[in-house]
N, C-alpha and C. Protein backbone atom coordinates (compact mmCIF):
# COMPACT_ATOMS: atom_id res chain seq x y z
N MET A 1 -5.61 4.86 -23.42
CA MET A 1 -6.20 4.42 -21.94
C MET A 1 -7.32 4.71 -21.51
N ALA A 2 -8.38 3.58 -21.12
CA ALA A 2 -9.44 4.11 -20.63
C ALA A 2 -9.99 4.78 -19.67
N ALA A 3 -10.63 5.44 -19.59
CA ALA A 3 -10.73 6.93 -18.33
C ALA A 3 -10.85 6.18 -16.67
N MET A 4 -10.56 6.49 -16.10
CA MET A 4 -10.57 6.05 -14.83
C MET A 4 -11.31 6.08 -13.98
N PRO A 5 -12.41 5.01 -13.44
CA PRO A 5 -13.76 4.85 -12.86
C PRO A 5 -13.71 6.36 -11.05
N LEU A 6 -14.62 7.30 -11.69
CA LEU A 6 -15.14 8.35 -10.65
C LEU A 6 -14.77 7.51 -8.97
N GLU A 7 -15.36 6.08 -8.46
CA GLU A 7 -14.45 5.69 -7.30
C GLU A 7 -13.07 5.79 -7.13
N MET A 8 -12.23 5.27 -8.24
CA MET A 8 -10.69 5.33 -8.08
C MET A 8 -10.08 7.35 -7.86
N ILE A 9 -11.06 8.27 -8.86
CA ILE A 9 -10.78 9.31 -8.55
C ILE A 9 -10.70 9.59 -7.53
N GLU A 10 -11.89 9.69 -6.99
CA GLU A 10 -12.75 10.22 -5.48
C GLU A 10 -11.18 9.95 -4.37
N ALA A 11 -11.30 8.24 -4.21
CA ALA A 11 -9.89 7.71 -3.14
C ALA A 11 -9.08 8.22 -3.76
N ARG A 12 -8.42 8.86 -5.15
CA ARG A 12 -7.34 9.36 -4.88
C ARG A 12 -6.96 10.78 -4.65
N SER A 13 -8.58 11.46 -4.45
CA SER A 13 -8.23 12.51 -3.82
C SER A 13 -8.23 12.93 -2.44
N LEU A 14 -9.21 11.84 -2.11
CA LEU A 14 -9.09 11.39 -0.31
C LEU A 14 -7.95 10.78 0.40
N ILE A 15 -6.86 10.24 0.16
CA ILE A 15 -5.83 9.83 0.03
C ILE A 15 -4.95 11.06 0.19
N SER A 16 -4.96 11.48 -0.67
CA SER A 16 -4.06 13.15 -1.78
C SER A 16 -4.62 13.94 -0.29
N ARG A 17 -5.45 14.10 0.48
CA ARG A 17 -5.86 14.30 1.52
C ARG A 17 -4.97 14.56 2.80
N LEU A 18 -5.28 12.44 3.33
CA LEU A 18 -4.61 11.70 4.87
C LEU A 18 -3.52 12.41 4.99
N THR A 19 -3.41 12.17 6.24
CA THR A 19 -1.92 12.33 6.90
C THR A 19 -1.38 11.22 7.11
N THR A 20 -2.35 10.26 6.94
CA THR A 20 -2.01 8.56 7.55
C THR A 20 -1.33 8.16 6.11
N ALA A 21 -0.42 7.41 5.81
CA ALA A 21 0.00 6.93 4.59
C ALA A 21 -0.97 6.00 4.27
N SER A 22 -0.95 6.31 2.49
CA SER A 22 -1.58 5.65 1.88
C SER A 22 -1.60 5.12 0.50
N PHE A 23 -1.53 4.32 -0.41
CA PHE A 23 -1.06 3.48 -1.60
C PHE A 23 -2.94 3.74 -2.45
N LEU A 24 -2.52 3.72 -3.58
CA LEU A 24 -3.87 3.27 -4.19
C LEU A 24 -3.11 2.80 -5.73
N VAL A 25 -3.85 1.46 -5.56
CA VAL A 25 -3.97 0.62 -6.84
C VAL A 25 -5.55 0.65 -8.07
N ASP A 26 -4.89 0.12 -8.57
CA ASP A 26 -5.92 0.10 -10.18
C ASP A 26 -6.47 -1.58 -10.31
N ARG A 27 -7.44 -2.17 -10.42
CA ARG A 27 -7.88 -3.55 -10.40
C ARG A 27 -6.37 -4.91 -10.64
N GLU A 28 -5.80 -4.18 -11.50
CA GLU A 28 -4.63 -4.72 -11.64
C GLU A 28 -3.61 -4.79 -10.85
N GLY A 29 -3.60 -4.26 -9.52
CA GLY A 29 -2.62 -3.80 -8.81
C GLY A 29 -1.19 -2.79 -8.90
N THR A 30 -1.93 -2.31 -10.35
CA THR A 30 -0.52 -0.94 -10.25
C THR A 30 -0.45 -0.18 -9.75
N LEU A 31 -0.05 0.22 -8.81
CA LEU A 31 0.08 1.14 -8.29
C LEU A 31 0.05 2.92 -8.57
N LEU A 32 -0.45 3.75 -8.67
CA LEU A 32 -1.46 4.76 -9.44
C LEU A 32 -1.09 6.31 -8.39
N TYR A 33 -0.73 6.21 -6.73
CA TYR A 33 -0.23 7.17 -6.36
C TYR A 33 0.21 6.25 -4.82
N PHE A 34 0.61 7.00 -3.86
CA PHE A 34 1.04 7.40 -3.13
C PHE A 34 0.99 8.46 -2.11
N ASN A 35 0.26 8.89 -0.99
CA ASN A 35 0.55 10.54 -0.37
C ASN A 35 1.82 10.41 0.22
N LYS A 36 1.60 12.08 0.56
CA LYS A 36 3.07 12.38 0.84
C LYS A 36 3.20 11.36 2.61
N ALA A 37 2.18 11.06 2.45
CA ALA A 37 3.04 10.57 4.51
C ALA A 37 3.11 9.31 4.17
N ALA A 38 3.37 8.21 2.85
CA ALA A 38 3.60 6.97 2.26
C ALA A 38 4.81 7.23 2.53
N ALA A 39 5.00 8.79 0.71
CA ALA A 39 6.45 9.06 0.55
C ALA A 39 7.67 9.37 2.40
N GLU A 40 6.98 9.72 3.16
CA GLU A 40 7.94 9.90 4.05
C GLU A 40 8.48 8.74 4.74
N LEU A 41 8.01 7.95 5.03
CA LEU A 41 8.21 6.75 5.34
C LEU A 41 8.84 5.75 4.50
N LEU A 42 8.65 5.49 3.12
CA LEU A 42 9.14 4.84 1.73
C LEU A 42 10.59 5.56 1.33
N GLY A 43 11.07 7.12 2.28
CA GLY A 43 11.89 7.84 1.30
C GLY A 43 12.60 8.12 0.03
N MET A 44 11.22 8.14 -0.87
CA MET A 44 10.73 8.52 -2.06
C MET A 44 9.48 9.47 -2.41
N SER A 45 9.16 10.22 -3.35
CA SER A 45 7.60 10.70 -3.53
C SER A 45 7.40 9.91 -4.48
N PHE A 46 5.93 9.37 -4.56
CA PHE A 46 5.19 9.31 -5.78
C PHE A 46 5.82 9.70 -7.53
N GLU A 47 6.30 11.06 -7.06
CA GLU A 47 7.18 11.99 -8.11
C GLU A 47 8.24 11.50 -8.91
N GLU A 48 9.06 10.78 -7.54
CA GLU A 48 10.39 9.93 -8.01
C GLU A 48 9.82 8.46 -8.14
N ALA A 49 9.08 8.05 -7.65
CA ALA A 49 8.83 6.85 -7.93
C ALA A 49 8.28 6.46 -8.80
N GLY A 50 6.14 6.84 -9.34
CA GLY A 50 5.76 6.69 -10.39
C GLY A 50 5.21 5.43 -10.39
N ALA A 51 4.36 5.68 -10.96
CA ALA A 51 3.69 3.76 -11.61
C ALA A 51 4.28 2.69 -11.32
N MET A 52 3.84 1.99 -10.78
CA MET A 52 4.61 0.43 -10.39
C MET A 52 3.61 -1.06 -10.72
N GLU A 53 4.20 -1.43 -10.69
CA GLU A 53 3.38 -3.35 -11.44
C GLU A 53 3.70 -3.43 -10.35
N PRO A 54 2.67 -5.10 -9.65
CA PRO A 54 2.63 -5.05 -8.22
C PRO A 54 3.83 -6.20 -8.35
N GLY A 55 4.75 -7.15 -8.47
CA GLY A 55 6.35 -7.42 -8.58
C GLY A 55 7.04 -6.11 -8.45
N THR A 56 6.45 -5.21 -8.65
CA THR A 56 7.65 -4.63 -8.30
C THR A 56 7.45 -3.47 -6.80
N TRP A 57 6.19 -3.18 -6.85
CA TRP A 57 5.88 -2.52 -5.46
C TRP A 57 5.90 -3.05 -4.28
N GLY A 58 5.49 -4.77 -5.18
CA GLY A 58 5.88 -5.37 -4.34
C GLY A 58 6.82 -6.12 -2.98
N THR A 59 7.73 -5.90 -4.04
CA THR A 59 8.94 -6.28 -3.19
C THR A 59 10.38 -5.15 -2.73
N ARG A 60 10.31 -3.64 -3.97
CA ARG A 60 10.61 -2.33 -3.79
C ARG A 60 10.98 -2.31 -2.47
N PHE A 61 10.22 -2.36 -1.16
CA PHE A 61 10.60 -1.73 -0.38
C PHE A 61 10.92 -2.98 0.83
N ARG A 62 10.93 -3.86 0.70
CA ARG A 62 11.73 -5.20 1.24
C ARG A 62 10.23 -5.76 2.13
N PRO A 63 9.11 -5.72 2.06
CA PRO A 63 7.82 -6.00 2.80
C PRO A 63 8.39 -7.48 4.04
N ARG A 64 8.10 -7.80 4.78
CA ARG A 64 8.93 -9.04 5.72
C ARG A 64 8.23 -8.71 7.11
N GLU A 65 7.36 -9.85 7.31
CA GLU A 65 7.54 -10.37 8.18
C GLU A 65 7.95 -9.89 10.07
N PRO A 66 7.42 -9.37 10.85
CA PRO A 66 8.56 -8.45 12.05
C PRO A 66 9.20 -10.02 12.48
N ASN A 67 9.12 -11.07 12.00
CA ASN A 67 10.27 -12.35 12.64
C ASN A 67 11.19 -12.00 11.79
N GLY A 68 11.25 -10.90 10.24
CA GLY A 68 11.81 -11.03 9.27
C GLY A 68 12.46 -12.04 8.29
N ARG A 69 10.93 -13.15 7.72
CA ARG A 69 10.24 -13.54 6.73
C ARG A 69 9.64 -12.47 5.34
N GLU A 70 10.34 -13.02 4.71
CA GLU A 70 9.71 -11.75 3.53
C GLU A 70 9.07 -12.29 3.35
N LEU A 71 7.60 -11.28 2.87
CA LEU A 71 6.35 -11.64 2.73
C LEU A 71 6.15 -11.90 1.08
N PRO A 72 5.85 -13.25 0.49
CA PRO A 72 5.08 -13.17 -1.59
C PRO A 72 4.87 -12.22 -1.33
N VAL A 73 4.12 -11.38 -2.31
CA VAL A 73 3.74 -10.36 -2.81
C VAL A 73 1.78 -10.88 -2.83
N GLY A 74 2.33 -12.14 -2.95
CA GLY A 74 0.49 -12.31 -2.58
C GLY A 74 0.03 -12.53 -1.98
N GLU A 75 0.93 -12.52 -0.06
CA GLU A 75 0.68 -12.60 0.95
C GLU A 75 -0.20 -11.25 1.05
N LEU A 76 0.63 -9.86 0.60
CA LEU A 76 0.33 -8.34 1.02
C LEU A 76 -1.06 -8.25 1.25
N PRO A 77 -1.34 -7.19 2.16
CA PRO A 77 -3.44 -7.23 2.52
C PRO A 77 -3.32 -6.34 0.88
N LEU A 78 -2.22 -5.60 0.51
CA LEU A 78 -3.18 -4.71 -0.61
C LEU A 78 -3.40 -5.57 -2.10
N ALA A 79 -2.64 -6.92 -1.98
CA ALA A 79 -2.28 -7.69 -3.40
C ALA A 79 -3.89 -8.74 -2.81
N ILE A 80 -3.80 -9.08 -1.16
CA ILE A 80 -4.87 -9.99 -1.33
C ILE A 80 -6.18 -8.87 -1.19
N ALA A 81 -6.46 -7.91 -0.71
CA ALA A 81 -7.44 -6.78 -1.58
C ALA A 81 -8.19 -6.53 -3.19
N VAL A 82 -6.82 -6.23 -3.90
CA VAL A 82 -6.80 -6.41 -4.81
C VAL A 82 -7.34 -8.28 -5.71
N GLN A 83 -6.62 -9.63 -5.16
CA GLN A 83 -7.47 -10.53 -5.50
C GLN A 83 -8.43 -11.33 -5.22
N SER A 84 -8.77 -10.63 -4.13
CA SER A 84 -9.77 -11.75 -3.75
C SER A 84 -11.14 -10.62 -3.94
N GLY A 85 -10.81 -9.32 -2.88
CA GLY A 85 -11.89 -8.87 -3.64
C GLY A 85 -12.74 -8.71 -1.72
N ARG A 86 -11.33 -8.92 -0.96
CA ARG A 86 -11.28 -8.71 0.47
C ARG A 86 -10.38 -8.36 1.63
N PRO A 87 -10.76 -7.27 2.39
CA PRO A 87 -9.92 -6.77 2.96
C PRO A 87 -8.41 -7.11 3.28
N GLY A 88 -7.49 -7.05 3.77
CA GLY A 88 -6.29 -7.40 4.51
C GLY A 88 -6.20 -6.61 5.31
N PHE A 89 -4.78 -7.85 6.11
CA PHE A 89 -4.39 -6.27 6.92
C PHE A 89 -2.91 -7.64 7.30
N ALA A 90 -1.64 -6.81 7.98
CA ALA A 90 -0.14 -7.52 8.41
C ALA A 90 0.33 -6.41 8.81
N PRO A 91 0.66 -7.15 9.94
CA PRO A 91 1.88 -6.15 10.80
C PRO A 91 3.35 -6.68 9.48
N MET A 92 4.40 -5.51 9.45
CA MET A 92 4.96 -6.15 8.87
C MET A 92 6.06 -4.87 8.94
N ARG A 93 7.92 -5.53 8.44
CA ARG A 93 8.48 -4.07 8.38
C ARG A 93 8.65 -4.11 6.85
N ILE A 94 9.16 -2.73 6.66
CA ILE A 94 9.55 -1.87 5.12
C ILE A 94 11.49 -1.64 5.21
N THR A 95 12.17 -1.05 4.66
CA THR A 95 13.07 -0.91 4.31
C THR A 95 12.65 0.10 3.12
N GLY A 96 12.87 1.68 3.36
CA GLY A 96 12.88 2.59 3.07
C GLY A 96 13.97 2.81 1.82
N ALA A 97 14.01 3.62 0.89
CA ALA A 97 14.65 3.20 -0.14
C ALA A 97 16.31 4.50 0.32
N ASP A 98 15.93 5.19 1.45
CA ASP A 98 16.87 5.63 2.39
C ASP A 98 17.63 4.55 3.01
N GLY A 99 17.30 3.29 3.13
CA GLY A 99 17.43 2.12 3.65
C GLY A 99 17.12 2.04 5.11
N SER A 100 16.46 2.60 5.92
CA SER A 100 15.90 2.75 7.31
C SER A 100 14.92 2.09 7.23
N ASP A 101 14.61 1.33 8.16
CA ASP A 101 13.67 -0.03 8.31
C ASP A 101 12.31 0.94 8.93
N HIS A 102 11.34 0.22 8.85
CA HIS A 102 9.99 0.69 9.88
C HIS A 102 9.47 -0.35 9.88
N ASP A 103 8.28 -0.38 11.04
CA ASP A 103 7.49 -1.37 11.97
C ASP A 103 6.54 -0.51 11.26
N ILE A 104 5.44 -1.84 10.62
CA ILE A 104 3.77 -0.89 10.13
C ILE A 104 3.36 -1.98 10.20
N GLU A 105 2.11 -1.55 9.93
CA GLU A 105 0.67 -2.26 10.44
C GLU A 105 0.09 -2.00 8.85
N VAL A 106 -0.42 -2.22 8.57
CA VAL A 106 -1.30 -2.37 6.95
C VAL A 106 -2.58 -3.18 6.90
N THR A 107 -3.48 -2.00 6.12
CA THR A 107 -4.97 -2.51 6.51
C THR A 107 -5.44 -1.98 4.90
N ALA A 108 -5.66 -3.26 4.08
CA ALA A 108 -6.27 -2.75 2.80
C ALA A 108 -7.38 -3.23 2.31
N LEU A 109 -8.45 -2.10 1.79
CA LEU A 109 -9.73 -2.45 1.07
C LEU A 109 -9.62 -2.74 -0.02
N PRO A 110 -10.71 -3.21 -0.61
CA PRO A 110 -11.61 -3.42 -2.87
C PRO A 110 -11.90 -1.56 -2.11
N ILE A 111 -11.88 -1.62 -3.42
CA ILE A 111 -12.68 -0.29 -4.12
C ILE A 111 -14.02 -0.82 -4.83
N MET A 112 -14.93 -0.62 -4.52
CA MET A 112 -16.04 -1.14 -5.97
C MET A 112 -16.31 0.18 -5.90
N GLY A 113 -17.50 -0.76 -7.29
CA GLY A 113 -18.14 0.55 -7.88
C GLY A 113 -18.45 0.01 -9.13
N GLY A 114 -20.10 0.51 -9.67
CA GLY A 114 -20.58 0.09 -10.27
C GLY A 114 -20.70 -1.25 -10.00
N GLY A 115 -21.04 -2.04 -9.28
CA GLY A 115 -21.08 -3.52 -9.21
C GLY A 115 -19.17 -4.09 -9.47
N GLU A 116 -18.88 -3.97 -9.51
CA GLU A 116 -17.97 -4.48 -9.40
C GLU A 116 -15.96 -3.55 -9.04
N GLN A 117 -14.67 -4.42 -8.90
CA GLN A 117 -13.89 -3.84 -7.97
C GLN A 117 -13.04 -2.54 -9.39
N ALA A 118 -12.82 -1.52 -8.69
CA ALA A 118 -11.58 -0.65 -9.51
C ALA A 118 -10.98 -0.64 -8.76
N GLY A 119 -10.43 -0.86 -7.64
CA GLY A 119 -8.94 -0.81 -7.44
C GLY A 119 -9.16 -0.93 -6.66
N ALA A 120 -8.20 -0.96 -5.14
CA ALA A 120 -8.29 -1.72 -3.48
C ALA A 120 -7.00 0.30 -2.91
N LEU A 121 -7.38 0.24 -1.58
CA LEU A 121 -6.27 1.39 -1.94
C LEU A 121 -5.80 0.90 -0.50
N ALA A 122 -4.43 1.04 0.03
CA ALA A 122 -3.85 0.46 1.55
C ALA A 122 -3.90 1.66 2.32
N ILE A 123 -3.89 1.68 3.77
CA ILE A 123 -3.43 2.74 4.86
C ILE A 123 -2.24 1.80 5.89
N PHE A 124 -1.41 2.53 5.72
CA PHE A 124 -0.31 2.19 6.54
C PHE A 124 0.41 3.31 7.87
N TRP A 125 0.32 2.68 8.97
CA TRP A 125 1.09 3.78 9.87
C TRP A 125 1.82 2.72 10.88
N PRO A 126 2.99 3.43 10.91
CA PRO A 126 4.84 2.90 11.73
C PRO A 126 3.72 2.27 13.41
N VAL A 127 3.97 1.92 13.60
CA VAL A 127 4.09 1.15 15.01
C VAL A 127 5.42 1.72 16.49
N ALA A 128 4.72 2.10 16.69
CA ALA A 128 5.19 2.98 17.95
C ALA A 128 6.68 1.52 18.47
N GLU A 129 7.86 2.25 19.20
CA GLU A 129 8.43 0.83 19.71
C GLU A 129 8.20 0.25 20.73
N ASP A 130 6.89 1.10 21.53
CA ASP A 130 6.80 0.28 22.68
C ASP A 130 5.63 -0.63 22.36
N GLN A 131 5.26 -0.22 20.73
CA GLN A 131 4.19 -1.63 20.93
C GLN A 131 4.21 -2.17 19.57
N SER A 132 5.39 -2.86 19.19
CA SER A 132 6.18 -3.60 18.42
C SER A 132 5.57 -4.55 18.01
N PRO A 133 5.24 -5.23 16.73
CA PRO A 133 4.41 -5.85 16.54
C PRO A 133 4.93 -7.62 17.35
N GLU A 134 6.10 -7.20 17.13
CA GLU A 134 6.89 -8.36 17.52
C GLU A 134 6.83 -8.99 19.03
N GLU A 135 6.04 -8.60 19.78
CA GLU A 135 5.64 -8.39 21.51
C GLU A 135 4.66 -9.16 21.02
């Protein structure tokens, strides 16, 4: 197994300290880590979930548009950041492992280092009921 790039180590360290829900994926899109704030929304800890391929994390929490349309993995902000090396953003609804739905907004950014993309990170936060993305 290749050593993890320094930028990814630093990104994991950063998001482990954030109170904003955050995901970290490598350049292939494999989920490497999510923090405690994300665990609260997802209804499971990273230790319970473990590393996941894009096809798993991209569907496990049923990401969909606020109007209910299922979002294909390739349309998710984190997948956009991995595949295109550009930031991605979307309002969406997810379903946690405990069955509870959450309206969230997600912003994903590629992580660059040494002249190439090392991975990507996404931050997401719940949308207040009075600021629902359906409005």
